[in-house]
Amino acid sequence: MDFSLSPELSELQLTVRRLAQQRVRPIARELDEAGVYPEELFKRFVEAGLMGLAIPEQYGGSGAGVLGLVLAIEEVAKYCQSSALMLLLSRLPTSPILIGGSEEQKQHWVRGVADGSLRGAFALSETAAGSWVLGQTTRAVRDGNGYRIRGNKVWMSGSTVADFYVVSTKTDPEAGHAGFTSFIVPRETAGVSVGAADRKMGVTAVPTAEVIFDDVWVSNEMRIGEEGSGFRTTMLALNSMRPIVAARGIGLAEGALMYAVSYDRARRAFGQAISDFQGVRWIYAELATEIEAARLLTYRAASMVDAGQFDREHAPFLSMAKYAATELAVKASGWAVQLLGAAGYMKDHMTELYYRDARQLTLVEGTSQIQQNLIGQGVAKSDVWWD
């Protein structure tokens, strides 16, 4: 069993680390305060080939896989969650298309994301249907050689800059799981409108907003897979995203701990550096150990997705990575504030930004409680078992 990265992935990791240190770290606080999507940084990510990391080469990507994207996101997330989310959005709206879309859809929409000419967003959540996917009310009704879509989607990351939306709808409200169908809806389609950006606690530079689909007509060619396949495609897509969200958590935990340790080395109290106190070092030890444990879970989960192992049987292991890493981000950011004392609560330091941003991670793309349900279900059904 080899835990080392390939030479190609090691080089990718170092390249993104330098980019994050030089281009992301200096503007992280500015991005948070401005709350405006950083177009220039997006262009740098495109120029560096980062938007195509998890996209296969036949669709314009680099073929570095989910593991490659995880490595990149981890480096960027050490300094800025908004910037890391920009990278994540190269995969979230393309996953359903890669899983269930046609070759033509992949060649146009996925390739467009890979080369930076298109940006997408994932339209799933509704005000009364977040974790409860079956509660969706957005409808798609057959009309000629296409469908008419009516409904509202909320809390959609990247919706204000997206060129297209992957929209989950109900085509048969009486059919349960078999009544869902997903569509690609270009933003310029008549009837599509984007509401005001949400007022968020953190991760402000990638706005979320409501998107309204008011009698939007799309052709059959915009349907992803067969009618009724949408629920399965969506669940598989979300499963495949678990390690990518986890990477944001690992990076934030690393960044918060490194920031706190750097401060503690320079800050003296009771005649010595704060970092020299035994009790403080025990906190360092606990967090560092949990970071490494979450990293191993996440890298394994990413490798599983790249191997095509993201079905129901493997979902608990993917959920473990997301659950462990995102809860750790909350824990590490909380300790970072505490280790700086009153200074950690001030906007003079990055710790309060880490603290605010971390909370998003335990909510998006399946809350921590949803992950616990999936893991517990896996144990109950012996998908997670040890003999």
Protein backbone atom coordinates (compact mmCIF):
# COMPACT_ATOMS: atom_id res chain seq x y z
CA MET A 1 0.00 0.00 0.00
CA ASP A 2 1.59 3.24 -1.19
CA PHE A 3 0.47 6.48 0.48
CA SER A 4 2.70 8.73 -1.62
CA LEU A 5 1.46 10.90 -4.47
CA SER A 6 2.57 10.30 -8.03
CA PRO A 7 5.22 12.72 -9.39
CA GLU A 8 2.52 14.41 -11.48
CA LEU A 9 0.20 14.95 -8.52
CA SER A 10 3.08 16.11 -6.32
CA GLU A 11 3.99 18.71 -8.93
CA LEU A 12 0.36 19.80 -9.16
CA GLN A 13 0.20 20.18 -5.39
CA LEU A 14 3.34 22.35 -5.30
CA THR A 15 2.20 24.45 -8.24
CA VAL A 16 -1.17 25.22 -6.67
CA ARG A 17 0.48 25.84 -3.29
CA ARG A 18 2.64 28.55 -4.82
CA LEU A 19 -0.33 30.03 -6.66
CA ALA A 20 -2.40 30.06 -3.46
CA GLN A 21 0.38 31.69 -1.44
CA GLN A 22 1.11 34.34 -4.06
CA ARG A 23 -2.34 35.11 -5.47
CA VAL A 24 -4.98 33.94 -3.01
CA ARG A 25 -3.58 34.62 0.45
CA PRO A 26 -2.94 38.37 -0.15
CA ILE A 27 -6.54 39.05 -1.23
CA ALA A 28 -8.53 36.68 1.01
CA ARG A 29 -9.65 39.35 3.46
CA GLU A 30 -10.42 41.79 0.64
CA LEU A 31 -12.60 39.20 -1.10
CA ASP A 32 -14.54 38.54 2.09
CA GLU A 33 -15.22 42.20 2.74
CA ALA A 34 -16.10 43.08 -0.86
CA GLY A 35 -18.37 40.07 -1.36
CA VAL A 36 -17.87 40.27 -5.11
CA TYR A 37 -16.97 37.37 -7.39
CA PRO A 38 -13.22 37.64 -8.19
CA GLU A 39 -13.12 37.54 -11.99
CA GLU A 40 -9.37 38.10 -12.18
CA LEU A 41 -8.69 35.17 -9.89
CA PHE A 42 -11.05 33.01 -11.95
CA LYS A 43 -9.02 33.90 -15.04
CA ARG A 44 -5.81 32.86 -13.26
CA PHE A 45 -7.35 29.54 -12.32
CA VAL A 46 -8.36 29.01 -15.95
CA GLU A 47 -4.88 29.93 -17.21
CA ALA A 48 -3.37 27.46 -14.75
CA GLY A 49 -5.67 24.69 -16.05
CA LEU A 50 -7.34 24.24 -12.66
CA MET A 51 -10.94 24.32 -13.92
CA GLY A 52 -10.40 21.10 -15.84
CA LEU A 53 -8.59 19.06 -13.21
CA ALA A 54 -11.43 16.62 -12.51
CA ILE A 55 -12.66 16.55 -16.10
CA PRO A 56 -11.53 13.73 -18.42
CA GLU A 57 -9.16 14.58 -21.21
CA GLN A 58 -11.68 13.66 -23.93
CA TYR A 59 -13.81 16.58 -22.68
CA GLY A 60 -11.01 19.11 -22.49
CA GLY A 61 -9.78 18.47 -18.96
CA SER A 62 -6.39 17.44 -17.67
CA GLY A 63 -7.59 14.08 -16.36
CA ALA A 64 -6.04 14.66 -12.92
CA GLY A 65 -9.22 13.23 -11.48
CA VAL A 66 -11.09 14.04 -8.30
CA LEU A 67 -7.87 13.43 -6.36
CA GLY A 68 -6.13 16.13 -8.37
CA LEU A 69 -8.96 18.56 -7.70
CA VAL A 70 -8.92 17.64 -4.01
CA LEU A 71 -5.22 18.48 -3.80
CA ALA A 72 -5.76 21.84 -5.49
CA ILE A 73 -8.75 22.77 -3.34
CA GLU A 74 -6.91 21.83 -0.15
CA GLU A 75 -4.10 24.26 -0.99
CA VAL A 76 -6.42 27.13 -1.90
CA ALA A 77 -8.73 26.52 1.08
CA LYS A 78 -5.86 27.16 3.49
CA TYR A 79 -6.39 30.84 2.78
CA CYS A 80 -9.81 31.42 1.19
CA GLN A 81 -12.98 29.35 1.11
CA SER A 82 -14.56 31.44 -1.63
CA SER A 83 -11.62 30.75 -3.93
CA ALA A 84 -11.75 27.03 -3.09
CA LEU A 85 -15.46 27.01 -3.88
CA MET A 86 -14.73 28.43 -7.33
CA LEU A 87 -12.66 25.32 -8.03
CA LEU A 88 -15.31 23.02 -6.59
CA LEU A 89 -17.83 24.51 -9.01
CA SER A 90 -15.85 23.07 -11.89
CA ARG A 91 -17.13 19.66 -10.82
CA LEU A 92 -20.48 20.11 -9.06
CA PRO A 93 -22.57 21.10 -12.10
CA THR A 94 -20.62 18.85 -14.46
CA SER A 95 -20.95 15.69 -12.36
CA PRO A 96 -24.58 14.91 -13.35
CA ILE A 97 -23.68 15.49 -17.01
CA LEU A 98 -20.63 13.24 -16.79
CA ILE A 99 -22.69 10.55 -15.05
CA GLY A 100 -25.90 10.62 -17.09
CA GLY A 101 -25.52 13.08 -19.94
CA SER A 102 -25.19 12.51 -23.66
CA GLU A 103 -21.92 12.71 -25.55
CA GLU A 104 -23.07 15.97 -27.13
CA GLN A 105 -23.83 17.46 -23.71
CA LYS A 106 -20.43 16.45 -22.41
CA GLN A 107 -18.59 17.83 -25.41
CA HIS A 108 -20.30 21.22 -25.11
CA TRP A 109 -21.12 21.93 -21.48
CA VAL A 110 -18.40 19.95 -19.71
CA ARG A 111 -15.74 21.03 -22.19
CA GLY A 112 -16.86 24.64 -21.75
CA VAL A 113 -16.32 24.42 -17.99
CA ALA A 114 -12.91 22.82 -18.48
CA ASP A 115 -11.63 25.62 -20.71
CA GLY A 116 -13.25 28.38 -18.68
CA SER A 117 -15.62 29.56 -21.41
CA LEU A 118 -18.66 28.39 -19.41
CA ARG A 119 -19.61 28.36 -15.75
CA GLY A 120 -22.36 26.24 -14.28
CA ALA A 121 -24.39 25.98 -11.10
CA PHE A 122 -26.27 23.11 -9.46
CA ALA A 123 -29.98 23.85 -8.95
CA LEU A 124 -31.22 21.39 -6.33
CA SER A 125 -32.26 23.05 -3.05
CA GLU A 126 -35.61 24.70 -2.44
CA THR A 127 -36.83 26.55 0.63
CA ALA A 128 -38.82 23.50 1.77
CA ALA A 129 -36.55 20.88 0.20
CA GLY A 130 -32.91 21.03 1.25
CA SER A 131 -31.84 17.72 2.74
CA TRP A 132 -35.32 16.34 1.95
CA VAL A 133 -34.88 16.01 -1.80
CA LEU A 134 -38.26 14.35 -2.23
CA GLY A 135 -39.89 17.56 -1.06
CA GLN A 136 -39.03 19.42 -4.26
CA THR A 137 -41.87 21.18 -6.03
CA THR A 138 -40.11 22.37 -9.22
CA ARG A 139 -41.99 20.73 -12.10
CA ALA A 140 -41.13 19.88 -15.67
CA VAL A 141 -44.13 19.15 -17.86
CA ARG A 142 -43.94 17.77 -21.40
CA ASP A 143 -44.67 20.32 -24.10
CA GLY A 144 -44.14 19.30 -27.73
CA ASN A 145 -40.56 18.12 -28.26
CA GLY A 146 -39.49 19.50 -24.91
CA TYR A 147 -40.56 20.47 -21.40
CA ARG A 148 -41.78 23.52 -19.50
CA ILE A 149 -40.10 24.07 -16.15
CA ARG A 150 -41.70 25.99 -13.30
CA GLY A 151 -40.21 26.49 -9.86
CA ASN A 152 -37.67 28.27 -7.70
CA LYS A 153 -34.25 27.09 -6.54
CA VAL A 154 -32.38 28.70 -3.64
CA TRP A 155 -28.93 28.94 -1.99
CA MET A 156 -27.27 28.14 -5.27
CA SER A 157 -23.51 28.79 -5.24
CA GLY A 158 -22.24 30.57 -8.32
CA SER A 159 -25.75 31.27 -9.60
CA THR A 160 -25.04 34.95 -10.23
CA VAL A 161 -22.17 34.21 -12.64
CA ALA A 162 -23.33 30.89 -14.11
CA ASP A 163 -23.94 30.45 -17.84
CA PHE A 164 -26.11 27.37 -17.27
CA TYR A 165 -27.91 25.52 -14.53
CA VAL A 166 -28.31 21.80 -13.93
CA VAL A 167 -31.87 21.74 -12.63
CA SER A 168 -33.52 18.95 -10.67
CA THR A 169 -37.26 18.70 -11.35
CA LYS A 170 -40.23 16.41 -10.84
CA THR A 171 -41.67 15.06 -14.05
CA ASP A 172 -44.03 12.67 -12.22
CA PRO A 173 -44.95 13.81 -8.68
CA GLU A 174 -46.63 10.47 -7.95
CA ALA A 175 -43.66 8.27 -8.85
CA GLY A 176 -41.42 8.90 -5.83
CA HIS A 177 -37.73 8.49 -6.61
CA ALA A 178 -38.59 7.51 -10.18
CA GLY A 179 -40.35 10.81 -10.79
CA PHE A 180 -37.27 13.05 -10.97
CA THR A 181 -35.57 14.32 -14.11
CA SER A 182 -32.66 16.74 -14.49
CA PHE A 183 -32.14 19.30 -17.24
CA ILE A 184 -29.45 21.65 -18.49
CA VAL A 185 -30.97 25.14 -18.64
CA PRO A 186 -28.91 27.92 -20.24
CA ARG A 187 -29.16 31.13 -18.26
CA GLU A 188 -30.31 33.18 -21.26
CA THR A 189 -33.39 30.97 -21.76
CA ALA A 190 -36.63 32.95 -21.62
CA GLY A 191 -38.21 32.75 -18.18
CA VAL A 192 -34.98 32.32 -16.21
CA SER A 193 -34.25 35.09 -13.71
CA VAL A 194 -31.72 35.43 -10.89
CA GLY A 195 -32.71 37.05 -7.62
CA ALA A 196 -30.61 39.22 -5.33
CA ALA A 197 -27.53 37.70 -3.76
CA ASP A 198 -28.10 36.21 -0.31
CA ARG A 199 -26.72 37.93 2.78
CA LYS A 200 -24.37 35.23 4.02
CA MET A 201 -22.36 34.67 7.18
CA GLY A 202 -19.25 33.72 5.21
CA VAL A 203 -17.88 32.54 1.86
CA THR A 204 -19.13 35.85 0.54
CA ALA A 205 -17.09 36.21 -2.67
CA VAL A 206 -19.03 33.41 -4.40
CA PRO A 207 -22.59 34.68 -4.03
CA THR A 208 -25.59 32.43 -3.64
CA ALA A 209 -28.99 33.50 -4.92
CA GLU A 210 -32.46 32.29 -5.79
CA VAL A 211 -33.04 31.36 -9.42
CA ILE A 212 -36.59 31.45 -10.76
CA PHE A 213 -37.78 29.23 -13.62
CA ASP A 214 -41.00 30.80 -14.85
CA ASP A 215 -42.52 28.68 -17.62
CA VAL A 216 -39.06 27.93 -19.04
CA TRP A 217 -39.14 25.79 -22.18
CA VAL A 218 -36.22 23.48 -22.97
CA SER A 219 -35.91 20.88 -25.71
CA ASN A 220 -35.56 17.14 -25.15
CA GLU A 221 -31.86 17.53 -25.99
CA MET A 222 -31.38 19.39 -22.69
CA ARG A 223 -32.66 16.50 -20.60
CA ILE A 224 -29.91 14.62 -18.75
CA GLY A 225 -30.50 10.93 -19.32
CA GLU A 226 -33.90 9.32 -19.53
CA GLU A 227 -36.99 10.76 -17.92
CA GLY A 228 -37.16 9.49 -14.35
CA SER A 229 -33.39 9.00 -13.98
CA GLY A 230 -32.79 12.32 -12.22
CA PHE A 231 -32.85 11.16 -8.60
CA ARG A 232 -30.26 8.45 -9.11
CA THR A 233 -28.03 10.75 -11.16
CA THR A 234 -28.26 13.47 -8.52
CA MET A 235 -27.44 11.11 -5.66
CA LEU A 236 -24.46 9.66 -7.51
CA ALA A 237 -23.25 13.18 -8.30
CA LEU A 238 -23.52 14.21 -4.67
CA ASN A 239 -21.71 11.05 -3.56
CA SER A 240 -18.87 11.87 -5.91
CA MET A 241 -18.63 15.38 -4.44
CA ARG A 242 -18.06 14.28 -0.81
CA PRO A 243 -14.23 14.23 -0.93
CA ILE A 244 -14.18 17.54 -2.81
CA VAL A 245 -16.12 19.29 -0.05
CA ALA A 246 -13.95 17.47 2.48
CA ALA A 247 -10.87 19.01 0.87
CA ARG A 248 -12.23 22.45 1.68
CA GLY A 249 -12.51 21.37 5.30
CA ILE A 250 -9.01 19.95 5.48
CA GLY A 251 -7.51 23.07 3.92
CA LEU A 252 -9.38 25.36 6.31
CA ALA A 253 -8.31 23.32 9.34
CA GLU A 254 -4.70 23.41 8.18
CA GLY A 255 -4.80 27.13 7.50
CA ALA A 256 -6.43 27.97 10.82
CA LEU A 257 -3.99 25.87 12.83
CA MET A 258 -0.94 27.22 11.01
CA TYR A 259 -2.14 30.78 11.54
CA ALA A 260 -2.69 30.20 15.25
CA VAL A 261 0.69 28.50 15.75
CA SER A 262 2.49 31.33 13.94
CA TYR A 263 0.80 33.84 16.23
CA ASP A 264 1.52 31.80 19.35
CA ARG A 265 5.22 31.56 18.54
CA ALA A 266 5.52 35.35 18.52
CA ARG A 267 3.16 36.14 21.41
CA ARG A 268 4.62 35.90 24.89
CA ALA A 269 2.75 35.39 28.16
CA PHE A 270 3.97 34.53 31.63
CA GLY A 271 7.56 34.74 30.45
CA GLN A 272 7.41 32.42 27.45
CA ALA A 273 5.91 31.99 24.02
CA ILE A 274 2.32 30.76 24.06
CA SER A 275 3.40 27.89 21.82
CA ASP A 276 5.72 26.63 24.56
CA PHE A 277 2.94 25.84 27.03
CA GLN A 278 2.26 22.14 27.37
CA GLY A 279 -1.51 22.56 27.35
CA VAL A 280 -1.33 24.54 24.12
CA ARG A 281 0.87 21.93 22.49
CA TRP A 282 -1.65 19.26 23.39
CA ILE A 283 -4.23 21.23 21.39
CA TYR A 284 -1.80 21.37 18.48
CA ALA A 285 -1.25 17.63 18.73
CA GLU A 286 -4.95 16.81 18.79
CA LEU A 287 -5.76 18.99 15.80
CA ALA A 288 -2.74 17.88 13.77
CA THR A 289 -3.62 14.23 14.33
CA GLU A 290 -7.22 14.78 13.29
CA ILE A 291 -6.11 16.70 10.20
CA GLU A 292 -3.94 13.80 9.09
CA ALA A 293 -6.73 11.30 9.79
CA ALA A 294 -9.23 13.38 7.79
CA ARG A 295 -6.69 13.74 4.99
CA LEU A 296 -6.30 9.97 4.68
CA LEU A 297 -10.07 9.52 4.62
CA THR A 298 -10.40 12.22 1.98
CA TYR A 299 -7.60 11.05 -0.31
CA ARG A 300 -8.97 7.51 -0.13
CA ALA A 301 -12.47 8.78 -0.91
CA ALA A 302 -11.17 10.76 -3.89
CA SER A 303 -9.35 7.69 -5.19
CA MET A 304 -12.55 5.67 -4.81
CA VAL A 305 -14.51 8.19 -6.89
CA ASP A 306 -11.81 8.13 -9.56
CA ALA A 307 -12.15 4.34 -9.61
CA GLY A 308 -15.92 4.64 -10.14
CA GLN A 309 -16.77 3.59 -6.59
CA PHE A 310 -19.43 6.11 -5.59
CA ASP A 311 -22.61 4.03 -5.56
CA ARG A 312 -24.73 3.20 -2.50
CA GLU A 313 -22.33 0.50 -1.31
CA HIS A 314 -19.40 2.91 -1.19
CA ALA A 315 -21.32 6.03 -0.12
CA PRO A 316 -20.65 5.56 3.63
CA PHE A 317 -16.91 5.81 3.10
CA LEU A 318 -17.31 8.97 1.05
CA SER A 319 -19.58 10.42 3.73
CA MET A 320 -16.98 9.64 6.41
CA ALA A 321 -14.52 11.92 4.64
CA LYS A 322 -17.00 14.79 4.30
CA TYR A 323 -18.27 14.41 7.86
CA ALA A 324 -14.84 14.16 9.50
CA ALA A 325 -13.18 16.94 7.52
CA THR A 326 -15.96 19.52 7.74
CA GLU A 327 -16.62 19.00 11.44
CA LEU A 328 -12.86 19.27 11.97
CA ALA A 329 -12.87 22.61 10.14
CA VAL A 330 -15.37 23.94 12.68
CA LYS A 331 -13.34 22.54 15.57
CA ALA A 332 -9.97 23.80 14.32
CA SER A 333 -11.28 27.28 13.51
CA GLY A 334 -12.85 27.50 16.97
CA TRP A 335 -9.57 26.57 18.62
CA ALA A 336 -7.70 29.04 16.40
CA VAL A 337 -9.85 31.87 17.74
CA GLN A 338 -9.30 30.64 21.30
CA LEU A 339 -5.54 30.31 20.87
CA LEU A 340 -5.31 33.96 19.88
CA GLY A 341 -7.54 35.06 22.73
CA ALA A 342 -9.37 38.35 22.24
CA ALA A 343 -7.20 39.08 19.18
CA GLY A 344 -8.66 36.03 17.45
CA TYR A 345 -12.12 37.57 17.58
CA MET A 346 -10.98 40.67 15.72
CA LYS A 347 -10.98 41.22 11.97
CA ASP A 348 -7.32 42.14 12.27
CA HIS A 349 -6.71 38.39 12.14
CA MET A 350 -7.85 35.67 9.74
CA THR A 351 -9.11 33.48 12.56
CA GLU A 352 -12.55 35.10 12.68
CA LEU A 353 -12.87 34.58 8.90
CA TYR A 354 -11.91 30.92 9.21
CA TYR A 355 -14.49 30.61 11.99
CA ARG A 356 -17.33 32.07 9.90
CA ASP A 357 -16.46 30.20 6.73
CA ALA A 358 -16.18 26.82 8.44
CA ARG A 359 -19.86 26.73 9.33
CA GLN A 360 -20.90 26.55 5.69
CA LEU A 361 -19.06 23.28 5.18
CA THR A 362 -21.21 21.25 7.58
CA LEU A 363 -24.36 22.36 5.72
CA VAL A 364 -23.64 22.21 1.99
CA GLU A 365 -24.05 19.15 -0.22
CA GLY A 366 -25.43 17.07 2.61
CA THR A 367 -25.37 18.24 6.23
CA SER A 368 -23.28 16.47 8.86
CA GLN A 369 -26.46 14.78 10.04
CA ILE A 370 -27.18 13.47 6.54
CA GLN A 371 -23.64 12.08 6.42
CA GLN A 372 -24.16 10.40 9.80
CA ASN A 373 -27.38 8.84 8.50
CA LEU A 374 -25.57 7.47 5.43
CA ILE A 375 -22.69 6.12 7.50
CA GLY A 376 -25.01 4.59 10.09
CA GLN A 377 -27.14 3.05 7.36
CA GLY A 378 -23.99 1.56 5.86
CA VAL A 379 -23.10 -0.07 9.17
CA ALA A 380 -26.66 -1.33 9.71
CA LYS A 381 -26.66 -2.92 6.26
CA SER A 382 -23.10 -4.26 6.60
CA ASP A 383 -21.73 -2.12 3.77
CA VAL A 384 -19.30 -0.98 6.47
CA TRP A 385 -18.15 -4.13 8.19
CA TRP A 386 -14.88 -5.64 9.43
CA ASP A 387 -15.05 -9.38 8.91
